[in-house]
């Protein structure tokens, strides 16, 4: 029964109802009823995992996600992680998370993976990492290509949140299962996965409805004001540099605080 996960399902359904989200889910019949499964999802916002999970719920499945290990520092989130088979990912020790993910798949769980690793500011597909394919290959489970469109209008990078009763339409589409042969090249299979999901994304956006010209949630190639993929890459590079500088400052501050108090004094104060 998993009472903690069931509580999250109830909360997710309530959130969708309160927001008036017009949720459309297609391809539920393509979700296997049992067995390990890599659910590969495009990543455009902070809450796109919710409609994907609700789509799987209609097939009687529960998606477990990979999550940044820093979230383990938040007690309520740590409790949820420990009780929902969520896999924390420490990017400095990725092999441990990878092994845990493969174990979850072999145990028969459906694991939600974002091949892009981070949110796409351009709302186009970023370059894919090979992790999703390699996990599926090692665990010998299929991949379910999945597209979520519209959830980025609720909450994403570079845009104000619209988490109230905005009645935003969200479309989820599950594609055909992909199998990864044991001897296949992960790079080539990842390129194939991206190609499949790219075609699905184009089809979903065509079926979604109007994309107003100049709207910040509409990709630049479709006439919107979202950053182009090139500009998004520049923004991400600047953010990465800033984060690296902040991490260096924190490390320096921690190292300084660990020194004896008299060594932390400035040279002038030590000479007095």
Protein backbone atom coordinates (compact mmCIF):
# COMPACT_ATOMS: atom_id res chain seq x y z
CA UNK A 1 0.00 0.00 0.00
CA UNK A 2 2.88 2.35 0.82
CA UNK A 3 0.98 4.90 2.94
CA UNK A 4 3.55 7.67 2.42
CA UNK A 5 3.44 7.39 -1.36
CA UNK A 6 -0.36 7.13 -1.23
CA UNK A 7 -0.46 10.37 0.75
CA UNK A 8 1.63 12.04 -1.95
CA UNK A 9 -0.76 10.78 -4.64
CA UNK A 10 -3.71 12.26 -2.77
CA UNK A 11 -1.85 15.56 -2.37
CA UNK A 12 -0.94 15.63 -6.08
CA UNK A 13 -4.53 15.04 -7.15
CA UNK A 14 -5.69 17.75 -4.74
CA UNK A 15 -3.11 20.21 -6.10
CA UNK A 16 -4.22 19.61 -9.68
CA UNK A 17 -7.85 20.09 -8.66
CA UNK A 18 -7.18 23.29 -6.71
CA UNK A 19 -5.20 24.76 -9.60
CA UNK A 20 -7.88 23.82 -12.09
CA UNK A 21 -5.17 22.21 -14.22
CA UNK A 22 -6.63 20.85 -17.44
CA UNK A 23 -4.65 17.62 -17.47
CA UNK A 24 -4.69 15.45 -20.59
CA UNK A 25 -2.89 12.11 -20.46
CA UNK A 26 -2.34 9.97 -23.55
CA UNK A 27 -0.74 6.59 -24.15
CA UNK A 28 -1.46 5.12 -20.72
CA UNK A 29 -2.04 1.75 -22.37
CA UNK A 30 1.65 1.69 -23.35
CA UNK A 31 2.79 1.52 -19.72
CA UNK A 32 3.64 -2.06 -18.65
CA UNK A 33 1.59 -3.16 -15.66
CA UNK A 34 4.58 -4.74 -13.92
CA UNK A 35 8.35 -4.91 -14.08
CA UNK A 36 11.23 -2.49 -13.99
CA UNK A 37 10.87 0.52 -16.27
CA UNK A 38 12.90 3.63 -17.07
CA UNK A 39 10.49 6.53 -17.65
CA UNK A 40 12.50 9.07 -19.67
CA UNK A 41 10.90 12.53 -19.31
CA UNK A 42 11.73 15.87 -20.89
CA UNK A 43 12.55 18.54 -18.30
CA UNK A 44 11.07 22.01 -18.67
CA UNK A 45 10.06 22.98 -15.12
CA UNK A 46 10.05 22.23 -11.42
CA UNK A 47 6.71 20.41 -11.31
CA UNK A 48 6.65 18.36 -14.52
CA UNK A 49 7.19 15.24 -12.42
CA UNK A 50 3.65 15.56 -11.04
CA UNK A 51 1.65 15.12 -14.27
CA UNK A 52 3.99 12.32 -15.36
CA UNK A 53 3.40 10.52 -12.06
CA UNK A 54 -0.36 11.04 -12.31
CA UNK A 55 -0.26 9.55 -15.79
CA UNK A 56 1.50 6.45 -14.49
CA UNK A 57 -1.03 6.30 -11.65
CA UNK A 58 -3.79 5.74 -14.21
CA UNK A 59 -1.95 2.61 -15.31
CA UNK A 60 -1.61 1.43 -11.72
CA UNK A 61 2.11 2.29 -11.57
CA UNK A 62 4.14 4.53 -9.29
CA UNK A 63 7.15 6.43 -10.58
CA UNK A 64 10.19 6.75 -8.32
CA UNK A 65 12.46 9.67 -9.15
CA UNK A 66 16.11 10.55 -8.89
CA UNK A 67 16.58 13.61 -6.66
CA UNK A 68 19.51 15.84 -5.68
CA UNK A 69 21.17 14.50 -2.54
CA UNK A 70 21.14 17.99 -1.01
CA UNK A 71 17.42 17.48 -0.40
CA UNK A 72 18.37 14.90 2.23
CA UNK A 73 19.39 17.85 4.41
CA UNK A 74 15.71 18.86 4.68
CA UNK A 75 14.15 16.58 7.35
CA UNK A 76 10.61 16.35 5.86
CA UNK A 77 12.01 15.67 2.39
CA UNK A 78 14.46 13.13 3.80
CA UNK A 79 11.53 11.29 5.36
CA UNK A 80 9.73 11.20 2.00
CA UNK A 81 12.86 10.02 0.18
CA UNK A 82 13.39 7.22 2.66
CA UNK A 83 9.79 6.02 2.40
CA UNK A 84 9.10 6.27 -1.34
CA UNK A 85 12.11 4.51 -2.93
CA UNK A 86 13.32 7.86 -4.26
CA UNK A 87 17.00 7.73 -5.27
CA UNK A 88 19.17 10.62 -3.97
CA UNK A 89 21.94 11.62 -6.39
CA UNK A 90 25.25 13.01 -5.13
CA UNK A 91 26.95 14.34 -8.25
CA UNK A 92 30.35 13.93 -6.60
CA UNK A 93 29.62 10.22 -6.13
CA UNK A 94 27.36 9.42 -9.05
CA UNK A 95 28.30 5.74 -9.19
CA UNK A 96 26.49 5.09 -5.90
CA UNK A 97 23.25 6.64 -7.19
CA UNK A 98 23.60 4.74 -10.45
CA UNK A 99 23.97 1.43 -8.61
CA UNK A 100 20.95 2.25 -6.40
CA UNK A 101 18.88 3.13 -9.49
CA UNK A 102 19.77 -0.13 -11.22
CA UNK A 103 18.84 -2.04 -8.07
CA UNK A 104 15.43 -0.31 -8.00
CA UNK A 105 14.84 -1.25 -11.63
CA UNK A 106 15.81 -4.86 -11.04
CA UNK A 107 13.38 -4.92 -8.11
CA UNK A 108 10.57 -4.05 -10.52
CA UNK A 109 10.12 -0.34 -9.87
CA UNK A 110 9.40 2.35 -12.49
CA UNK A 111 12.13 4.97 -12.26
CA UNK A 112 11.62 8.49 -13.60
CA UNK A 113 14.76 9.87 -15.24
CA UNK A 114 15.43 13.23 -16.90
CA UNK A 115 17.99 12.50 -19.65
CA UNK A 116 18.72 16.24 -19.91
CA UNK A 117 19.72 16.24 -16.21
CA UNK A 118 18.65 19.88 -15.75
CA UNK A 119 15.72 22.10 -16.71
CA UNK A 120 15.82 23.38 -20.28
CA UNK A 121 15.41 27.16 -20.24
CA UNK A 122 14.72 27.15 -23.97
CA UNK A 123 12.02 24.46 -23.54
CA UNK A 124 13.70 22.56 -26.37
CA UNK A 125 15.49 19.28 -25.70
CA UNK A 126 19.00 19.74 -24.33
CA UNK A 127 21.78 17.25 -24.92
CA UNK A 128 20.98 13.90 -23.34
CA UNK A 129 23.17 12.13 -20.80
CA UNK A 130 23.62 8.39 -21.32
CA UNK A 131 22.51 7.43 -17.80
CA UNK A 132 18.92 6.50 -18.69
CA UNK A 133 20.04 4.16 -21.46
CA UNK A 134 22.85 2.61 -19.43
CA UNK A 135 20.51 1.95 -16.48
CA UNK A 136 17.96 0.28 -18.73
CA UNK A 137 20.67 -1.73 -20.44
CA UNK A 138 22.26 -2.98 -17.23
CA UNK A 139 18.94 -3.75 -15.51
CA UNK A 140 17.55 -5.20 -18.77
CA UNK A 141 14.35 -3.19 -18.63
CA UNK A 142 12.63 -1.08 -21.32
CA UNK A 143 12.55 2.70 -21.63
CA UNK A 144 9.26 4.60 -21.84
CA UNK A 145 9.74 7.91 -23.71
CA UNK A 146 7.52 10.53 -22.07
CA UNK A 147 6.72 14.13 -22.96
CA UNK A 148 5.16 16.65 -20.57
CA UNK A 149 4.15 20.01 -22.02
CA UNK A 150 2.50 22.93 -20.22
CA UNK A 151 3.76 22.30 -16.68
CA UNK A 152 6.57 24.80 -17.29
CA UNK A 153 3.91 27.51 -17.44
CA UNK A 154 3.29 26.82 -13.75
CA UNK A 155 6.84 26.99 -12.41
CA UNK A 156 10.17 27.08 -14.19
CA UNK A 157 13.41 29.02 -14.36
CA UNK A 158 13.26 32.64 -15.45
CA UNK A 159 9.48 32.99 -15.18
CA UNK A 160 7.13 34.00 -12.34
CA UNK A 161 5.26 31.14 -10.73
CA UNK A 162 1.62 30.53 -11.65
CA UNK A 163 0.76 27.92 -9.04
CA UNK A 164 -2.63 29.39 -8.20
CA UNK A 165 -5.90 28.58 -9.92
CA UNK A 166 -4.54 29.41 -13.36
CA UNK A 167 -6.35 26.56 -15.16
CA UNK A 168 -3.27 25.88 -17.29
CA UNK A 169 -3.57 22.97 -19.73
CA UNK A 170 -0.94 20.26 -19.34
CA UNK A 171 -0.48 17.44 -21.83
CA UNK A 172 1.33 14.19 -21.00
CA UNK A 173 2.04 11.65 -23.73
CA UNK A 174 3.65 8.25 -23.24
CA UNK A 175 5.39 6.80 -26.28
CA UNK A 176 6.23 3.32 -27.50
CA UNK A 177 8.55 1.24 -25.36
CA UNK A 178 12.20 1.14 -26.39
CA UNK A 179 14.38 -1.86 -25.68
CA UNK A 180 18.14 -1.53 -25.33
CA UNK A 181 20.09 -4.59 -26.54
CA UNK A 182 22.75 -5.74 -24.05
CA UNK A 183 25.53 -5.15 -26.58
CA UNK A 184 24.23 -1.82 -27.94
CA UNK A 185 26.32 1.36 -27.91
CA UNK A 186 24.85 3.60 -25.15
CA UNK A 187 25.81 6.77 -27.02
CA UNK A 188 24.04 5.67 -30.18
CA UNK A 189 21.00 4.45 -28.23
CA UNK A 190 20.86 7.77 -26.35
CA UNK A 191 20.87 9.63 -29.66
CA UNK A 192 17.99 7.43 -30.80
CA UNK A 193 16.08 8.15 -27.60
CA UNK A 194 16.54 11.88 -28.10
CA UNK A 195 15.37 11.60 -31.71
CA UNK A 196 12.22 9.75 -30.62
CA UNK A 197 11.46 12.23 -27.86
CA UNK A 198 12.16 15.16 -30.18
CA UNK A 199 9.55 13.91 -32.64
CA UNK A 200 7.12 13.33 -29.77
CA UNK A 201 7.72 16.84 -28.44
CA UNK A 202 6.95 18.36 -31.84
CA UNK A 203 3.73 16.34 -32.08
CA UNK A 204 2.64 17.19 -28.54
CA UNK A 205 3.19 20.91 -29.10
CA UNK A 206 1.22 20.74 -32.35
CA UNK A 207 -1.70 19.15 -30.48
CA UNK A 208 -1.43 21.33 -27.38
CA UNK A 209 -3.19 24.38 -28.72
CA UNK A 210 -2.25 28.01 -29.36
CA UNK A 211 1.26 29.18 -28.56
CA UNK A 212 0.92 32.99 -28.35
CA UNK A 213 3.63 34.97 -30.12
CA UNK A 214 6.02 36.56 -27.66
CA UNK A 215 4.88 34.49 -24.69
CA UNK A 216 7.77 33.67 -22.34
CA UNK A 217 6.76 29.99 -22.12
CA UNK A 218 6.81 29.56 -25.89
CA UNK A 219 10.13 28.48 -27.50
CA UNK A 220 11.88 31.06 -29.65
CA UNK A 221 11.57 28.82 -32.72
CA UNK A 222 7.79 28.94 -32.29
CA UNK A 223 7.68 32.73 -32.02
CA UNK A 224 7.92 32.97 -28.24
CA UNK A 225 10.28 35.00 -26.09
CA UNK A 226 11.93 32.05 -24.33
CA UNK A 227 15.73 32.05 -24.68
CA UNK A 228 17.13 30.33 -27.73
CA UNK A 229 19.11 27.16 -26.95
CA UNK A 230 22.31 29.13 -27.55
CA UNK A 231 21.29 31.92 -25.17
CA UNK A 232 20.08 29.38 -22.61
CA UNK A 233 23.51 27.73 -22.75
CA UNK A 234 25.17 31.10 -22.04
CA UNK A 235 22.89 31.71 -19.05
CA UNK A 236 23.60 28.24 -17.68
CA UNK A 237 27.36 28.76 -18.07
CA UNK A 238 27.14 32.03 -16.13
CA UNK A 239 25.07 30.34 -13.41
CA UNK A 240 27.56 27.47 -13.19
CA UNK A 241 30.45 29.90 -12.77
CA UNK A 242 28.59 31.81 -10.05
CA UNK A 243 27.75 28.57 -8.21
CA UNK A 244 31.39 27.47 -8.43
CA UNK A 245 32.52 30.79 -6.94
CA UNK A 246 29.99 30.49 -4.11
CA UNK A 247 31.10 26.93 -3.37
CA UNK A 248 34.73 28.09 -3.26
CA UNK A 249 33.78 30.89 -0.85
CA UNK A 250 31.92 28.45 1.40
CA UNK A 251 34.85 26.04 1.40
CA UNK A 252 37.25 28.87 2.27
CA UNK A 253 34.95 30.05 5.07
CA UNK A 254 34.68 26.51 6.46
CA UNK A 255 38.44 26.04 6.30
CA UNK A 256 39.00 29.37 8.04
CA UNK A 257 36.49 28.57 10.78
CA UNK A 258 38.35 25.32 11.47
CA UNK A 259 41.62 27.19 12.17
CA UNK A 260 42.59 28.20 15.74
CA UNK A 261 41.12 31.58 16.67
CA UNK A 262 44.48 33.32 16.83
CA UNK A 263 45.29 32.30 13.26
CA UNK A 264 42.05 33.84 12.07
CA UNK A 265 43.12 37.30 13.16
CA UNK A 266 44.42 39.68 10.53
CA UNK A 267 48.23 40.21 10.51
CA UNK A 268 47.86 43.69 12.08
CA UNK A 269 45.75 42.36 14.96
CA UNK A 270 48.23 39.52 15.58
CA UNK A 271 51.11 42.03 15.82
CA UNK A 272 49.46 44.10 18.56
